[in-house]
Every structure is written in C-alpha cells, then in structure tokens.
C-alpha atoms as a PDB file:
ATOM      1  CA  UNK A   1      21.238  21.853 -19.354  1.00  0.00           C
ATOM      2  CA  UNK A   2      18.319  22.212 -21.415  1.00  0.00           C
ATOM      3  CA  UNK A   3      16.481  18.393 -22.534  1.00  0.00           C
ATOM      4  CA  UNK A   4      15.276  18.161 -26.159  1.00  0.00           C
ATOM      5  CA  UNK A   5      11.779  17.187 -25.698  1.00  0.00           C
ATOM      6  CA  UNK A   6      10.284  14.842 -28.265  1.00  0.00           C
ATOM      7  CA  UNK A   7       6.798  14.756 -28.911  1.00  0.00           C
ATOM      8  CA  UNK A   8       5.729  10.986 -27.525  1.00  0.00           C
ATOM      9  CA  UNK A   9       3.757  10.456 -31.565  1.00  0.00           C
ATOM     10  CA  UNK A  10       7.113  11.439 -32.783  1.00  0.00           C
ATOM     11  CA  UNK A  11       8.834   8.992 -30.171  1.00  0.00           C
ATOM     12  CA  UNK A  12       7.075   6.177 -31.215  1.00  0.00           C
ATOM     13  CA  UNK A  13       7.565   6.459 -34.990  1.00  0.00           C
ATOM     14  CA  UNK A  14      11.604   6.382 -34.479  1.00  0.00           C
ATOM     15  CA  UNK A  15      10.951   3.770 -32.157  1.00  0.00           C
ATOM     16  CA  UNK A  16       9.070   1.967 -34.899  1.00  0.00           C
ATOM     17  CA  UNK A  17      11.091   2.491 -37.319  1.00  0.00           C
ATOM     18  CA  UNK A  18      14.129   1.221 -35.860  1.00  0.00           C
ATOM     19  CA  UNK A  19      12.379  -1.944 -35.151  1.00  0.00           C
ATOM     20  CA  UNK A  20      11.280  -2.248 -38.728  1.00  0.00           C
ATOM     21  CA  UNK A  21      14.725  -0.707 -40.688  1.00  0.00           C
ATOM     22  CA  UNK A  22      14.918  -1.840 -44.383  1.00  0.00           C
ATOM     23  CA  UNK A  23      17.466  -4.412 -45.750  1.00  0.00           C
ATOM     24  CA  UNK A  24      19.614  -1.283 -46.999  1.00  0.00           C
ATOM     25  CA  UNK A  25      19.273   0.683 -43.471  1.00  0.00           C
ATOM     26  CA  UNK A  26      20.593  -2.644 -41.684  1.00  0.00           C
ATOM     27  CA  UNK A  27      23.491  -3.064 -44.318  1.00  0.00           C
ATOM     28  CA  UNK A  28      24.530   0.435 -43.029  1.00  0.00           C
ATOM     29  CA  UNK A  29      23.993   0.510 -39.301  1.00  0.00           C
ATOM     30  CA  UNK A  30      25.757  -2.101 -39.583  1.00  0.00           C
ATOM     31  CA  UNK A  31      28.690   0.049 -40.172  1.00  0.00           C
ATOM     32  CA  UNK A  32      27.900   3.251 -39.035  1.00  0.00           C
ATOM     33  CA  UNK A  33      26.658   1.842 -35.050  1.00  0.00           C
ATOM     34  CA  UNK A  34      29.247   1.463 -31.918  1.00  0.00           C
ATOM     35  CA  UNK A  35      31.551   3.941 -33.782  1.00  0.00           C
ATOM     36  CA  UNK A  36      32.307   2.056 -36.180  1.00  0.00           C
ATOM     37  CA  UNK A  37      33.754   4.316 -38.685  1.00  0.00           C
ATOM     38  CA  UNK A  38      36.775   6.076 -37.274  1.00  0.00           C
ATOM     39  CA  UNK A  39      35.501   6.694 -34.322  1.00  0.00           C
ATOM     40  CA  UNK A  40      32.277   9.140 -35.373  1.00  0.00           C
ATOM     41  CA  UNK A  41      28.724   8.466 -33.750  1.00  0.00           C
ATOM     42  CA  UNK A  42      25.652   7.988 -35.452  1.00  0.00           C
ATOM     43  CA  UNK A  43      22.346   7.477 -34.180  1.00  0.00           C
ATOM     44  CA  UNK A  44      19.263   6.269 -36.605  1.00  0.00           C
ATOM     45  CA  UNK A  45      15.730   7.049 -36.956  1.00  0.00           C
ATOM     46  CA  UNK A  46      16.014  10.645 -35.344  1.00  0.00           C
ATOM     47  CA  UNK A  47      13.706  13.161 -35.083  1.00  0.00           C
ATOM     48  CA  UNK A  48      14.729  16.656 -36.499  1.00  0.00           C
ATOM     49  CA  UNK A  49      11.750  19.025 -36.762  1.00  0.00           C
ATOM     50  CA  UNK A  50       8.859  18.058 -38.840  1.00  0.00           C
ATOM     51  CA  UNK A  51      11.018  14.840 -39.889  1.00  0.00           C
ATOM     52  CA  UNK A  52      12.176  11.521 -38.780  1.00  0.00           C
ATOM     53  CA  UNK A  53      16.001  11.201 -39.654  1.00  0.00           C
ATOM     54  CA  UNK A  54      18.260   7.764 -40.665  1.00  0.00           C
ATOM     55  CA  UNK A  55      20.761   8.209 -39.511  1.00  0.00           C
ATOM     56  CA  UNK A  56      22.883  11.855 -38.128  1.00  0.00           C
ATOM     57  CA  UNK A  57      25.883  11.963 -36.806  1.00  0.00           C
ATOM     58  CA  UNK A  58      26.002  15.165 -34.443  1.00  0.00           C
ATOM     59  CA  UNK A  59      28.776  15.961 -34.145  1.00  0.00           C
ATOM     60  CA  UNK A  60      29.415  16.298 -37.920  1.00  0.00           C
ATOM     61  CA  UNK A  61      26.201  17.867 -38.442  1.00  0.00           C
ATOM     62  CA  UNK A  62      25.911  15.296 -41.021  1.00  0.00           C
ATOM     63  CA  UNK A  63      22.542  13.501 -41.983  1.00  0.00           C
ATOM     64  CA  UNK A  64      22.236   9.935 -43.917  1.00  0.00           C
ATOM     65  CA  UNK A  65      19.321   9.145 -45.251  1.00  0.00           C
ATOM     66  CA  UNK A  66      18.804   5.949 -47.648  1.00  0.00           C
ATOM     67  CA  UNK A  67      16.766   6.444 -50.490  1.00  0.00           C
ATOM     68  CA  UNK A  68      15.025   2.994 -52.368  1.00  0.00           C
ATOM     69  CA  UNK A  69      13.226   3.060 -55.411  1.00  0.00           C
ATOM     70  CA  UNK A  70      10.396   4.887 -53.654  1.00  0.00           C
ATOM     71  CA  UNK A  71      12.258   8.109 -53.773  1.00  0.00           C
ATOM     72  CA  UNK A  72      12.262   7.991 -57.789  1.00  0.00           C
ATOM     73  CA  UNK A  73       8.911   9.433 -58.629  1.00  0.00           C
ATOM     74  CA  UNK A  74       8.507  13.395 -59.311  1.00  0.00           C
ATOM     75  CA  UNK A  75       6.549  13.718 -56.431  1.00  0.00           C
ATOM     76  CA  UNK A  76       8.771  11.881 -54.164  1.00  0.00           C
ATOM     77  CA  UNK A  77      11.535  13.704 -55.764  1.00  0.00           C
ATOM     78  CA  UNK A  78       9.751  16.862 -54.637  1.00  0.00           C
ATOM     79  CA  UNK A  79       9.403  15.799 -51.152  1.00  0.00           C
ATOM     80  CA  UNK A  80      12.697  15.299 -50.665  1.00  0.00           C
ATOM     81  CA  UNK A  81      14.094  18.410 -52.012  1.00  0.00           C
ATOM     82  CA  UNK A  82      11.697  20.239 -49.663  1.00  0.00           C
ATOM     83  CA  UNK A  83      13.219  18.067 -46.358  1.00  0.00           C
ATOM     84  CA  UNK A  84      16.206  18.146 -47.289  1.00  0.00           C
ATOM     85  CA  UNK A  85      16.680  22.271 -47.609  1.00  0.00           C
ATOM     86  CA  UNK A  86      14.313  22.395 -44.231  1.00  0.00           C
ATOM     87  CA  UNK A  87      17.298  20.196 -42.986  1.00  0.00           C
ATOM     88  CA  UNK A  88      19.997  21.833 -44.267  1.00  0.00           C
ATOM     89  CA  UNK A  89      17.953  25.437 -42.631  1.00  0.00           C
ATOM     90  CA  UNK A  90      18.889  23.547 -39.694  1.00  0.00           C
ATOM     91  CA  UNK A  91      22.551  23.207 -39.873  1.00  0.00           C
ATOM     92  CA  UNK A  92      22.708  20.165 -41.523  1.00  0.00           C
ATOM     93  CA  UNK A  93      24.245  18.703 -44.748  1.00  0.00           C
ATOM     94  CA  UNK A  94      22.357  15.783 -45.755  1.00  0.00           C
ATOM     95  CA  UNK A  95      23.779  13.265 -47.860  1.00  0.00           C
ATOM     96  CA  UNK A  96      21.873  10.813 -50.015  1.00  0.00           C
ATOM     97  CA  UNK A  97      22.275   6.906 -50.661  1.00  0.00           C
ATOM     98  CA  UNK A  98      20.705   4.619 -53.310  1.00  0.00           C
ATOM     99  CA  UNK A  99      19.715   1.475 -51.891  1.00  0.00           C
ATOM    100  CA  UNK A 100      21.849  -0.207 -54.665  1.00  0.00           C
ATOM    101  CA  UNK A 101      24.941   0.907 -53.769  1.00  0.00           C
ATOM    102  CA  UNK A 102      24.876   0.153 -49.919  1.00  0.00           C
ATOM    103  CA  UNK A 103      24.444  -3.989 -51.796  1.00  0.00           C
ATOM    104  CA  UNK A 104      27.037  -3.234 -54.113  1.00  0.00           C
ATOM    105  CA  UNK A 105      30.143  -1.068 -53.836  1.00  0.00           C
ATOM    106  CA  UNK A 106      29.481  -0.732 -49.718  1.00  0.00           C
ATOM    107  CA  UNK A 107      33.037   0.282 -49.668  1.00  0.00           C
ATOM    108  CA  UNK A 108      33.066   3.255 -51.630  1.00  0.00           C
ATOM    109  CA  UNK A 109      29.517   4.045 -49.280  1.00  0.00           C
ATOM    110  CA  UNK A 110      31.588   4.128 -46.249  1.00  0.00           C
ATOM    111  CA  UNK A 111      34.737   5.775 -47.973  1.00  0.00           C
ATOM    112  CA  UNK A 112      31.312   8.633 -49.181  1.00  0.00           C
ATOM    113  CA  UNK A 113      30.488   9.583 -45.605  1.00  0.00           C
ATOM    114  CA  UNK A 114      34.130   9.847 -44.599  1.00  0.00           C
ATOM    115  CA  UNK A 115      34.626  11.882 -47.180  1.00  0.00           C
ATOM    116  CA  UNK A 116      31.362  13.735 -46.000  1.00  0.00           C
ATOM    117  CA  UNK A 117      32.067  13.612 -42.764  1.00  0.00           C
ATOM    118  CA  UNK A 118      35.442  15.320 -43.371  1.00  0.00           C
ATOM    119  CA  UNK A 119      33.657  17.886 -45.770  1.00  0.00           C
ATOM    120  CA  UNK A 120      35.562  17.105 -48.242  1.00  0.00           C
ATOM    121  CA  UNK A 121      32.449  15.449 -50.311  1.00  0.00           C
ATOM    122  CA  UNK A 122      31.886  17.786 -53.141  1.00  0.00           C
ATOM    123  CA  UNK A 123      28.698  18.950 -53.814  1.00  0.00           C
ATOM    124  CA  UNK A 124      26.244  16.839 -56.170  1.00  0.00           C
END
C-alpha cells in the first residue's frame, strides 16, 4: 500500500484551517461529521493538488466548497472557476454552497448534498 505524502507546509495550512473554521463551515461540519449524513464519511480542509478543499467525501469523489461574500468579486469568481475545473479534472465533482443557504436552508442544503452523493443532482 502506498501512503500519500502531503508537504509539511500544506499539512500545516490544513490544520490551521480546521482550527479556524468559519461559522458556516462549523454548521455544515456538524451535519457531515462522524458519518451523520446517511453513513457517508467526510473529511475537512483536505489538500487536493495545490488546493485545500473545505469538505471531501472520497467514496463519492465529492467536494463541497462553502462560499461566502468573498466569492462574489469577478476575480474571485474566475479563481473559483479555475479551481473547480482543476478539481474536476482530478475526477471530483464540486458542489458550491453559499453561507446564507447553510444558515437559512440547512435541511435543503443537506438534501442537496444527498442528491449529489447519489449522483442525482442536475448540473448547474
């Protein structure tokens, strides 16, 4: 069995991000952690290539990115699009969820994630 090595710098960054989650990430993590979502295992703040993704379900190759107000500027939108394209080339599906949806439509968010896990979420 091969062990995937993560650069120490990347590992430190992921650890730092886990310790300083945003309130929206904390709320979503409360629904994803410990296989709470129909037994699916998620990890948080995990390195995928040059990026650290918010949440990852390896078995379903699903990445969940939590987006706040900082993702609304043109340059941020372009960066997110390049990032998503890279992650998709690595074989992952990327689901972007807005902070506002996590706080005001949490059950709908969880249902949307279940659809994505079952590969039944329609494309954007």
